[in-house]
């Protein structure tokens, strides 16, 4: 909802209430020119331990209140750029408690990657959802300083600004409370935001969903006072031929339905539309960057509530492609709305389909909260997405589409049921979805239940929604577009 202003310059004039951040590659090598330090700031030294930050000066100099912190970027298992982002985010938080007005990071001319890390650490690491706070925090300006060479990074800073804008938009959508954000309000918000980004949007209401045979979306959403919706947002530049469809699960709140979650299990369930937020945010960023690819974003939206009209266990639902599904668990609802959306995605006959969903707790058990699961039918596409995630500091791990587990989805009353056995829940969920994707279309399913829903900080990102997968999907489209 708010984020620090990021600036970059070749000149540094010390100001009152500056927090100066000095990055070191290791215990000796600075990532800045020592000559960049103003004469009235005491010389610095790197911290003794790997990856640590320490205060080297705090006080009054030349009638200015100044704090100087040195940070080593050699933490084990963390890229220097990721360490820089985290250091900037921590400096922003320190400014709030110490009443400092500006974070200044000195960067060597040859380390442009750190300038971009400072940018991301500022705009996404400093993000605050403060809409409902009476006393909103005052965020500092973040400035990167290099003596020269900043003109070379201008184009990427401009492009990154677009991406970070939509990462934070995805977080805004997710952080809204469930009494504000429901299928109707989410659809209305996305119409406005997508138009500004350069996308055209269609929204199917419950009558259209019925006409289109979307039994999964209708069943999951029929117990809520806010009826279900399906968003179709398009960005089709004239010079592009190859077509990607992104699909995202949009459960605006998940009680679990009649298979009710415990109270503690419902905390964070406003984030169950993390997949929809990710693909919508990525789609708007791709359109805003004018990348040369045809893009369709499909987001099925529903609220999984309990009422006299809510769906039940053992209900049998007919999906868009005619397949019947027996509901063995009303808390396995995300795959039901995704199934209809994936059928629709394949009807466009695209070159690729990728879905993102906060689908299973089982994926968190397997991989923890920081890593998303990746299931895919095309190794080349899988590997490209994994590499894009690594360069964006978003973590994925490949999991198998183990076909023998499909046996666990069989039932005698319908074509399949919506949940498998006790073990391998993330795998059986992915296999359920696979039934609704045409075999000839390369497909990836991202189970982002861990990093999208994690309440605690993740890397440089603070508490609450992370906007996970937006950056990865944008980077992937850049790669796909470059392939022609």
Protein backbone atom coordinates (compact mmCIF):
# COMPACT_ATOMS: atom_id res chain seq x y z
CA UNK A 1 0.00 0.00 0.00
CA UNK A 2 3.02 2.25 0.55
CA UNK A 3 6.71 1.85 -0.19
CA UNK A 4 9.85 3.99 0.02
CA UNK A 5 10.85 6.21 -2.88
CA UNK A 6 13.96 4.90 -4.65
CA UNK A 7 16.52 7.28 -6.13
CA UNK A 8 19.96 6.87 -7.66
CA UNK A 9 22.67 9.45 -8.12
CA UNK A 10 26.37 9.98 -8.74
CA UNK A 11 26.64 12.66 -6.06
CA UNK A 12 26.38 12.27 -2.32
CA UNK A 13 25.79 15.13 0.08
CA UNK A 14 25.34 14.01 3.66
CA UNK A 15 22.02 15.04 5.15
CA UNK A 16 20.64 15.12 8.66
CA UNK A 17 19.23 11.73 9.74
CA UNK A 18 21.00 9.73 7.04
CA UNK A 19 21.51 6.01 7.59
CA UNK A 20 24.55 5.14 5.50
CA UNK A 21 24.88 1.50 4.40
CA UNK A 22 28.34 0.33 3.29
CA UNK A 23 28.41 -3.09 1.56
CA UNK A 24 31.45 -5.38 1.65
CA UNK A 25 31.99 -8.43 -0.53
CA UNK A 26 33.73 -10.20 2.37
CA UNK A 27 35.81 -9.27 5.40
CA UNK A 28 38.14 -7.03 3.41
CA UNK A 29 36.85 -6.02 -0.02
CA UNK A 30 34.41 -3.09 -0.09
CA UNK A 31 31.73 -2.92 -2.79
CA UNK A 32 32.13 0.87 -2.91
CA UNK A 33 34.91 3.37 -3.51
CA UNK A 34 36.29 4.53 -0.15
CA UNK A 35 36.69 7.94 -1.74
CA UNK A 36 32.90 8.15 -1.93
CA UNK A 37 32.71 8.61 1.84
CA UNK A 38 32.26 12.24 2.88
CA UNK A 39 35.20 13.58 4.84
CA UNK A 40 33.09 14.09 7.93
CA UNK A 41 32.03 10.42 8.14
CA UNK A 42 34.36 8.12 10.06
CA UNK A 43 36.10 5.37 8.04
CA UNK A 44 34.41 1.99 8.21
CA UNK A 45 35.46 -1.64 8.52
CA UNK A 46 33.71 -4.85 7.55
CA UNK A 47 32.03 -6.95 10.26
CA UNK A 48 34.09 -9.84 11.61
CA UNK A 49 31.55 -12.57 10.73
CA UNK A 50 30.17 -13.70 7.37
CA UNK A 51 26.89 -12.12 6.32
CA UNK A 52 26.67 -9.86 9.34
CA UNK A 53 25.84 -6.17 9.72
CA UNK A 54 27.27 -3.90 12.38
CA UNK A 55 26.99 -0.26 13.32
CA UNK A 56 30.33 1.50 12.87
CA UNK A 57 29.17 5.00 13.73
CA UNK A 58 26.11 6.55 15.33
CA UNK A 59 26.06 10.11 16.49
CA UNK A 60 26.45 13.74 15.47
CA UNK A 61 28.88 14.80 12.79
CA UNK A 62 28.98 18.31 11.29
CA UNK A 63 25.75 19.08 13.19
CA UNK A 64 23.97 16.16 11.50
CA UNK A 65 22.61 13.04 13.13
CA UNK A 66 24.08 10.11 11.20
CA UNK A 67 24.22 6.34 11.49
CA UNK A 68 26.71 4.25 9.49
CA UNK A 69 26.33 0.48 9.14
CA UNK A 70 28.68 -1.91 7.38
CA UNK A 71 27.27 -5.12 5.89
CA UNK A 72 28.99 -8.21 4.54
CA UNK A 73 27.30 -9.81 1.54
CA UNK A 74 28.95 -13.22 1.92
CA UNK A 75 26.28 -15.02 3.94
CA UNK A 76 26.34 -18.77 3.26
CA UNK A 77 23.76 -20.07 0.75
CA UNK A 78 22.54 -16.55 -0.15
CA UNK A 79 23.45 -14.63 -3.30
CA UNK A 80 25.13 -11.24 -2.63
CA UNK A 81 22.21 -9.51 -4.37
CA UNK A 82 19.72 -11.25 -2.06
CA UNK A 83 21.81 -10.28 0.96
CA UNK A 84 21.84 -6.68 -0.27
CA UNK A 85 18.05 -6.64 -0.60
CA UNK A 86 17.66 -7.95 2.92
CA UNK A 87 20.13 -5.41 4.32
CA UNK A 88 18.21 -2.57 2.68
CA UNK A 89 14.88 -3.85 4.04
CA UNK A 90 16.36 -4.09 7.53
CA UNK A 91 17.78 -0.57 7.21
CA UNK A 92 14.33 0.74 6.30
CA UNK A 93 12.85 -0.86 9.42
CA UNK A 94 15.66 0.64 11.50
CA UNK A 95 14.86 4.07 10.09
CA UNK A 96 11.31 3.72 11.40
CA UNK A 97 12.49 2.96 14.94
CA UNK A 98 15.40 5.44 14.94
CA UNK A 99 13.52 8.26 13.17
CA UNK A 100 16.05 8.38 10.30
CA UNK A 101 14.90 9.97 7.06
CA UNK A 102 17.04 8.41 4.35
CA UNK A 103 18.90 5.18 3.60
CA UNK A 104 21.99 5.82 1.47
CA UNK A 105 23.82 2.86 -0.08
CA UNK A 106 27.23 3.43 -1.63
CA UNK A 107 27.90 1.08 -4.56
CA UNK A 108 30.99 0.46 -6.69
CA UNK A 109 30.63 1.42 -10.37
CA UNK A 110 31.38 -2.16 -11.42
CA UNK A 111 28.61 -3.66 -9.30
CA UNK A 112 25.46 -2.59 -11.11
CA UNK A 113 23.72 -5.74 -9.86
CA UNK A 114 23.84 -4.29 -6.37
CA UNK A 115 22.13 -1.11 -7.57
CA UNK A 116 19.23 -3.23 -8.79
CA UNK A 117 19.23 -5.13 -5.50
CA UNK A 118 19.02 -1.84 -3.58
CA UNK A 119 16.10 -0.85 -5.83
CA UNK A 120 14.23 -4.08 -5.12
CA UNK A 121 15.09 -4.03 -1.43
CA UNK A 122 13.62 -0.55 -1.22
CA UNK A 123 10.41 -0.93 -3.21
CA UNK A 124 9.39 -4.47 -2.25
CA UNK A 125 11.36 -4.87 0.99
CA UNK A 126 10.06 -1.55 2.27
CA UNK A 127 6.45 -2.26 1.28
CA UNK A 128 3.91 -1.71 4.06
CA UNK A 129 0.19 -2.54 4.00
CA UNK A 130 -0.91 0.45 6.06
CA UNK A 131 -4.37 1.15 4.62
CA UNK A 132 -6.19 0.51 7.89
CA UNK A 133 -3.66 2.10 10.26
CA UNK A 134 -4.62 5.41 11.84
CA UNK A 135 -0.96 6.25 12.42
CA UNK A 136 0.85 5.33 9.21
CA UNK A 137 4.63 4.80 9.36
CA UNK A 138 6.83 7.38 7.68
CA UNK A 139 9.06 5.53 5.26
CA UNK A 140 12.50 6.83 4.32
CA UNK A 141 13.81 7.63 0.87
CA UNK A 142 16.34 5.02 -0.34
CA UNK A 143 19.21 6.31 -2.48
CA UNK A 144 21.90 4.33 -4.31
CA UNK A 145 25.11 6.28 -4.93
CA UNK A 146 27.78 5.45 -7.50
CA UNK A 147 30.33 7.88 -8.87
CA UNK A 148 29.52 7.05 -12.49
CA UNK A 149 28.02 4.42 -14.74
CA UNK A 150 24.43 4.68 -13.53
CA UNK A 151 23.23 5.57 -17.02
CA UNK A 152 23.97 1.98 -17.98
CA UNK A 153 21.35 0.66 -15.55
CA UNK A 154 18.56 3.12 -16.37
CA UNK A 155 16.62 0.84 -18.71
CA UNK A 156 16.55 -2.04 -16.24
CA UNK A 157 15.58 0.23 -13.36
CA UNK A 158 12.66 1.45 -15.46
CA UNK A 159 11.58 -2.10 -16.31
CA UNK A 160 12.04 -3.32 -12.73
CA UNK A 161 9.87 -0.45 -11.50
CA UNK A 162 7.00 -1.84 -13.56
CA UNK A 163 7.49 -5.36 -12.19
CA UNK A 164 7.80 -4.22 -8.57
CA UNK A 165 4.65 -2.13 -8.94
CA UNK A 166 2.67 -5.24 -9.79
CA UNK A 167 4.38 -7.41 -7.18
CA UNK A 168 3.12 -4.90 -4.64
CA UNK A 169 -0.31 -4.76 -6.28
CA UNK A 170 -0.59 -8.53 -5.88
CA UNK A 171 0.32 -8.08 -2.22
CA UNK A 172 -2.31 -5.37 -1.81
CA UNK A 173 -4.99 -7.66 -3.23
CA UNK A 174 -3.98 -10.45 -0.86
CA UNK A 175 -3.55 -8.31 2.24
CA UNK A 176 -7.05 -6.87 2.04
CA UNK A 177 -9.30 -8.45 4.69
CA UNK A 178 -11.86 -10.99 3.49
CA UNK A 179 -14.77 -8.72 4.41
CA UNK A 180 -13.43 -6.33 1.76
CA UNK A 181 -11.94 -8.62 -0.90
CA UNK A 182 -14.36 -11.15 -2.37
CA UNK A 183 -14.98 -12.40 -5.92
CA UNK A 184 -17.00 -9.29 -6.84
CA UNK A 185 -14.59 -6.71 -5.49
CA UNK A 186 -11.53 -8.57 -6.77
CA UNK A 187 -13.01 -8.74 -10.26
CA UNK A 188 -13.91 -5.03 -10.19
CA UNK A 189 -10.43 -4.07 -8.99
CA UNK A 190 -8.76 -6.16 -11.67
CA UNK A 191 -10.87 -4.63 -14.44
CA UNK A 192 -9.57 -1.18 -13.48
CA UNK A 193 -5.95 -2.20 -12.93
CA UNK A 194 -5.74 -4.37 -16.06
CA UNK A 195 -7.10 -1.59 -18.25
CA UNK A 196 -4.42 0.77 -16.95
CA UNK A 197 -1.76 -1.84 -17.74
CA UNK A 198 -2.99 -2.30 -21.31
CA UNK A 199 -5.09 -5.45 -21.00
CA UNK A 200 -8.68 -6.10 -22.05
CA UNK A 201 -10.82 -7.88 -19.47
CA UNK A 202 -13.97 -10.00 -19.54
CA UNK A 203 -15.71 -11.23 -16.38
CA UNK A 204 -18.10 -14.18 -16.38
CA UNK A 205 -20.88 -13.95 -13.79
CA UNK A 206 -22.74 -16.95 -12.36
CA UNK A 207 -25.21 -16.99 -15.25
CA UNK A 208 -22.41 -17.08 -17.82
CA UNK A 209 -20.53 -19.68 -15.77
CA UNK A 210 -23.63 -21.87 -15.89
CA UNK A 211 -23.98 -21.39 -19.65
CA UNK A 212 -20.31 -22.30 -20.09
CA UNK A 213 -20.60 -25.48 -18.03
CA UNK A 214 -18.21 -24.43 -15.27
CA UNK A 215 -19.57 -26.79 -12.64
CA UNK A 216 -16.49 -26.69 -10.43
CA UNK A 217 -16.48 -22.91 -9.99
CA UNK A 218 -20.23 -22.78 -9.45
CA UNK A 219 -20.23 -25.58 -6.88
CA UNK A 220 -17.43 -24.16 -4.75
CA UNK A 221 -18.87 -20.65 -4.81
CA UNK A 222 -22.55 -21.34 -4.32
CA UNK A 223 -22.44 -21.29 -0.52
CA UNK A 224 -21.19 -17.69 -0.30
CA UNK A 225 -23.17 -14.45 -0.36
CA UNK A 226 -20.68 -13.04 -2.88
CA UNK A 227 -21.19 -15.18 -6.01
CA UNK A 228 -18.30 -16.67 -8.02
CA UNK A 229 -16.68 -15.00 -10.98
CA UNK A 230 -14.12 -15.84 -13.69
CA UNK A 231 -11.73 -13.20 -15.00
CA UNK A 232 -10.28 -13.42 -18.52
CA UNK A 233 -7.64 -10.74 -19.14
CA UNK A 234 -5.84 -10.50 -22.48
CA UNK A 235 -2.76 -8.80 -23.83
CA UNK A 236 -2.37 -9.66 -27.52
CA UNK A 237 0.17 -7.42 -29.28
CA UNK A 238 -0.10 -7.50 -33.07
CA UNK A 239 3.53 -8.49 -33.64
CA UNK A 240 3.35 -11.58 -31.40
CA UNK A 241 2.43 -15.08 -32.51
CA UNK A 242 3.22 -17.44 -29.61
CA UNK A 243 0.57 -17.67 -26.94
CA UNK A 244 0.88 -18.29 -23.18
CA UNK A 245 -2.10 -18.83 -20.88
CA UNK A 246 -1.66 -18.22 -17.15
CA UNK A 247 -4.25 -19.65 -14.77
CA UNK A 248 -4.50 -18.74 -11.09
CA UNK A 249 -6.57 -20.09 -8.22
CA UNK A 250 -8.69 -17.33 -6.69
CA UNK A 251 -10.30 -18.54 -3.47
CA UNK A 252 -10.81 -15.20 -1.71
CA UNK A 253 -11.36 -16.97 1.62
CA UNK A 254 -11.31 -20.65 2.45
CA UNK A 255 -13.20 -21.91 5.47
CA UNK A 256 -12.80 -25.45 4.19
CA UNK A 257 -16.55 -25.63 3.59
CA UNK A 258 -18.34 -28.41 5.46
CA UNK A 259 -14.93 -30.07 5.91
CA UNK A 260 -14.29 -27.09 8.16
CA UNK A 261 -10.76 -25.98 8.95
CA UNK A 262 -9.95 -25.37 12.63
CA UNK A 263 -9.71 -21.72 13.70
CA UNK A 264 -5.90 -21.75 13.53
CA UNK A 265 -6.08 -23.27 10.05
CA UNK A 266 -8.19 -20.39 8.80
CA UNK A 267 -5.55 -17.79 9.65
CA UNK A 268 -3.99 -16.80 6.37
CA UNK A 269 -6.82 -18.16 4.24
CA UNK A 270 -7.42 -14.73 2.72
CA UNK A 271 -4.17 -15.54 0.89
CA UNK A 272 -5.79 -18.55 -0.80
CA UNK A 273 -6.17 -16.41 -3.90
CA UNK A 274 -2.37 -16.20 -4.11
CA UNK A 275 -2.32 -17.91 -7.50
CA UNK A 276 -4.83 -15.49 -8.99
CA UNK A 277 -2.94 -12.50 -7.56
CA UNK A 278 0.31 -13.87 -9.00
CA UNK A 279 -0.92 -14.43 -12.55
CA UNK A 280 -2.90 -11.18 -12.65
CA UNK A 281 0.07 -9.22 -11.31
CA UNK A 282 2.42 -10.92 -13.76
CA UNK A 283 0.01 -10.35 -16.65
CA UNK A 284 -0.24 -6.64 -15.91
CA UNK A 285 3.53 -6.36 -15.63
CA UNK A 286 4.00 -8.18 -18.96
CA UNK A 287 1.50 -5.86 -20.62
CA UNK A 288 3.08 -2.82 -18.98
CA UNK A 289 6.49 -3.86 -20.31
CA UNK A 290 4.97 -4.46 -23.78
CA UNK A 291 6.66 -7.83 -24.11
CA UNK A 292 6.14 -9.45 -27.54
CA UNK A 293 3.97 -12.41 -26.58
CA UNK A 294 0.27 -13.20 -26.66
CA UNK A 295 -0.96 -13.58 -23.12
CA UNK A 296 -4.27 -14.70 -21.66
CA UNK A 297 -4.79 -14.69 -17.90
CA UNK A 298 -7.65 -16.74 -16.45
CA UNK A 299 -8.57 -16.39 -12.78
CA UNK A 300 -11.53 -18.36 -11.38
CA UNK A 301 -12.80 -16.67 -8.22
CA UNK A 302 -14.92 -18.09 -5.41
CA UNK A 303 -15.36 -17.98 -1.65
CA UNK A 304 -15.50 -21.38 0.04
CA UNK A 305 -18.15 -20.79 2.70
CA UNK A 306 -20.72 -22.73 4.68
CA UNK A 307 -24.45 -22.09 4.25
CA UNK A 308 -27.65 -23.96 3.40
CA UNK A 309 -26.67 -23.75 -0.28
CA UNK A 310 -23.02 -24.84 0.10
CA UNK A 311 -21.80 -27.96 -1.65
CA UNK A 312 -21.41 -31.20 0.28
CA UNK A 313 -19.17 -34.22 0.44
CA UNK A 314 -20.26 -36.94 -2.02
CA UNK A 315 -21.76 -34.34 -4.36
CA UNK A 316 -21.00 -35.19 -7.99
CA UNK A 317 -20.04 -32.25 -10.19
CA UNK A 318 -19.84 -32.06 -13.98
CA UNK A 319 -16.83 -30.03 -15.10
CA UNK A 320 -16.45 -27.92 -18.23
CA UNK A 321 -15.01 -30.78 -20.28
CA UNK A 322 -17.83 -33.15 -19.25
CA UNK A 323 -15.78 -35.13 -16.74
CA UNK A 324 -17.65 -35.92 -13.51
CA UNK A 325 -16.02 -35.48 -10.11
CA UNK A 326 -17.14 -36.85 -6.76
CA UNK A 327 -16.43 -34.44 -3.89
CA UNK A 328 -14.78 -36.43 -1.11
CA UNK A 329 -13.50 -33.30 0.64
CA UNK A 330 -14.95 -29.77 0.38
CA UNK A 331 -11.57 -28.40 1.50
CA UNK A 332 -10.03 -29.65 -1.74
CA UNK A 333 -11.87 -26.88 -3.56
CA UNK A 334 -9.07 -25.09 -5.37
CA UNK A 335 -8.52 -27.90 -7.83
CA UNK A 336 -12.23 -27.85 -8.72
CA UNK A 337 -12.21 -24.21 -9.83
CA UNK A 338 -8.84 -24.67 -11.55
CA UNK A 339 -10.14 -27.64 -13.53
CA UNK A 340 -12.77 -25.52 -15.28
CA UNK A 341 -10.22 -22.77 -15.92
CA UNK A 342 -7.64 -25.21 -17.33
CA UNK A 343 -10.26 -26.63 -19.71
CA UNK A 344 -10.93 -23.10 -20.94
CA UNK A 345 -7.19 -22.39 -21.23
CA UNK A 346 -6.69 -25.40 -23.51
CA UNK A 347 -9.56 -24.34 -25.76
CA UNK A 348 -7.42 -21.39 -26.87
CA UNK A 349 -4.87 -23.92 -28.21
CA UNK A 350 -1.92 -22.01 -26.71
CA UNK A 351 1.75 -22.84 -26.92
CA UNK A 352 2.01 -23.18 -23.12
CA UNK A 353 -0.25 -23.28 -20.07
CA UNK A 354 1.01 -22.46 -16.56
CA UNK A 355 -1.13 -22.44 -13.45
CA UNK A 356 -0.28 -21.16 -9.99
CA UNK A 357 -2.19 -22.08 -6.86
CA UNK A 358 -1.95 -22.19 -3.09
CA UNK A 359 -3.13 -25.74 -3.51
CA UNK A 360 -1.94 -28.12 -0.80
CA UNK A 361 -0.58 -28.15 2.71
CA UNK A 362 1.16 -31.34 1.63
CA UNK A 363 3.52 -29.29 -0.52
CA UNK A 364 4.51 -27.28 2.57
CA UNK A 365 5.15 -30.54 4.44
CA UNK A 366 7.40 -31.70 1.59
CA UNK A 367 9.29 -28.47 0.87
CA UNK A 368 8.69 -26.09 3.77
CA UNK A 369 7.23 -22.61 3.55
CA UNK A 370 9.95 -20.96 1.43
CA UNK A 371 9.84 -23.22 -1.64
CA UNK A 372 7.10 -23.80 -4.22
CA UNK A 373 6.53 -27.14 -5.89
CA UNK A 374 6.79 -27.42 -9.68
CA UNK A 375 5.06 -30.11 -11.71
CA UNK A 376 5.42 -30.04 -15.47
CA UNK A 377 5.10 -32.03 -18.67
CA UNK A 378 7.89 -30.33 -20.66
CA UNK A 379 11.43 -30.57 -19.27
CA UNK A 380 12.72 -27.61 -21.25
CA UNK A 381 9.96 -25.33 -19.97
CA UNK A 382 10.42 -26.68 -16.43
CA UNK A 383 14.16 -25.99 -16.48
CA UNK A 384 13.67 -22.49 -17.84
CA UNK A 385 11.19 -21.60 -15.13
CA UNK A 386 13.45 -23.02 -12.42
CA UNK A 387 16.35 -20.90 -13.70
CA UNK A 388 14.13 -17.80 -13.85
CA UNK A 389 13.16 -18.41 -10.24
CA UNK A 390 16.79 -18.66 -9.18
CA UNK A 391 17.68 -15.34 -10.82
CA UNK A 392 14.68 -13.72 -9.08
CA UNK A 393 15.39 -15.25 -5.65
CA UNK A 394 12.11 -17.17 -5.79
CA UNK A 395 12.61 -20.85 -4.99
CA UNK A 396 10.94 -23.82 -6.73
CA UNK A 397 11.65 -27.53 -6.62
CA UNK A 398 10.54 -30.09 -9.24
CA UNK A 399 8.15 -32.79 -8.04
CA UNK A 400 6.98 -35.81 -10.06
CA UNK A 401 3.73 -36.40 -11.90
CA UNK A 402 3.80 -40.02 -10.69
CA UNK A 403 1.09 -41.62 -12.79
CA UNK A 404 0.52 -44.72 -10.59
CA UNK A 405 -0.88 -42.34 -7.96
CA UNK A 406 -3.73 -41.61 -10.35
CA UNK A 407 -5.26 -44.85 -9.04
CA UNK A 408 -5.95 -43.05 -5.79
CA UNK A 409 -8.37 -40.70 -7.56
CA UNK A 410 -10.63 -43.47 -8.84
CA UNK A 411 -14.19 -43.94 -7.59
CA UNK A 412 -17.10 -46.08 -8.77
CA UNK A 413 -19.72 -43.30 -8.70
CA UNK A 414 -17.98 -40.73 -10.98
CA UNK A 415 -15.09 -40.40 -13.40
CA UNK A 416 -12.82 -39.43 -10.50
CA UNK A 417 -12.85 -37.96 -7.01
CA UNK A 418 -11.28 -34.72 -5.90
CA UNK A 419 -8.79 -36.04 -3.36
CA UNK A 420 -6.45 -39.01 -3.09
CA UNK A 421 -5.14 -40.98 -0.12
CA UNK A 422 -3.23 -39.93 2.98
CA UNK A 423 0.21 -39.58 1.38
CA UNK A 424 1.53 -37.58 -1.57
CA UNK A 425 -1.23 -34.99 -1.44
CA UNK A 426 0.61 -32.43 -3.58
CA UNK A 427 1.20 -35.12 -6.24
CA UNK A 428 -2.37 -36.37 -6.38
CA UNK A 429 -3.62 -32.76 -6.56
CA UNK A 430 -1.35 -32.12 -9.55
CA UNK A 431 -2.50 -35.38 -11.17
CA UNK A 432 -6.11 -34.33 -10.68
CA UNK A 433 -5.39 -31.10 -12.59
CA UNK A 434 -3.52 -32.97 -15.33
CA UNK A 435 -6.79 -34.61 -16.38
CA UNK A 436 -8.04 -31.22 -17.54
CA UNK A 437 -5.00 -30.26 -19.64
CA UNK A 438 -4.55 -31.51 -23.19
CA UNK A 439 -1.56 -33.82 -23.47
CA UNK A 440 -0.09 -31.97 -26.45
CA UNK A 441 0.15 -28.61 -24.62
CA UNK A 442 3.26 -28.05 -22.46
CA UNK A 443 1.96 -27.41 -18.94
CA UNK A 444 3.38 -26.38 -15.58
CA UNK A 445 1.56 -26.46 -12.27
CA UNK A 446 3.07 -24.34 -9.47
CA UNK A 447 1.96 -25.22 -5.94
CA UNK A 448 2.84 -21.99 -4.13
CA UNK A 449 1.06 -22.79 -0.85
CA UNK A 450 4.23 -22.24 1.20
CA UNK A 451 5.79 -18.96 0.06
CA UNK A 452 2.54 -17.28 -0.97
CA UNK A 453 0.78 -17.86 2.36
CA UNK A 454 3.73 -17.59 4.75
CA UNK A 455 2.85 -14.97 7.37
CA UNK A 456 6.42 -14.48 8.60
CA UNK A 457 9.15 -12.68 6.59
CA UNK A 458 10.62 -14.37 3.52
CA UNK A 459 14.06 -13.10 2.55
CA UNK A 460 13.80 -9.32 2.28
CA UNK A 461 9.99 -9.41 2.20
CA UNK A 462 8.20 -8.60 5.45
CA UNK A 463 5.17 -10.14 7.11
CA UNK A 464 2.01 -10.75 5.12
CA UNK A 465 1.55 -11.37 1.41
CA UNK A 466 4.68 -11.81 -0.70
CA UNK A 467 3.41 -11.50 -4.29
CA UNK A 468 5.29 -14.73 -4.91
CA UNK A 469 5.78 -15.91 -8.52
CA UNK A 470 5.08 -12.54 -10.20
CA UNK A 471 8.78 -11.90 -10.87
CA UNK A 472 9.44 -15.46 -12.03
CA UNK A 473 6.57 -15.44 -14.53
CA UNK A 474 7.66 -12.08 -15.97
CA UNK A 475 11.24 -13.31 -16.33
CA UNK A 476 9.98 -16.51 -17.98
CA UNK A 477 7.97 -14.53 -20.53
CA UNK A 478 11.07 -12.46 -21.31
CA UNK A 479 12.88 -15.72 -22.07
CA UNK A 480 10.02 -17.19 -24.12
CA UNK A 481 9.60 -13.98 -26.11
CA UNK A 482 13.32 -13.91 -26.86
CA UNK A 483 13.06 -17.41 -28.37
CA UNK A 484 10.75 -16.06 -31.06
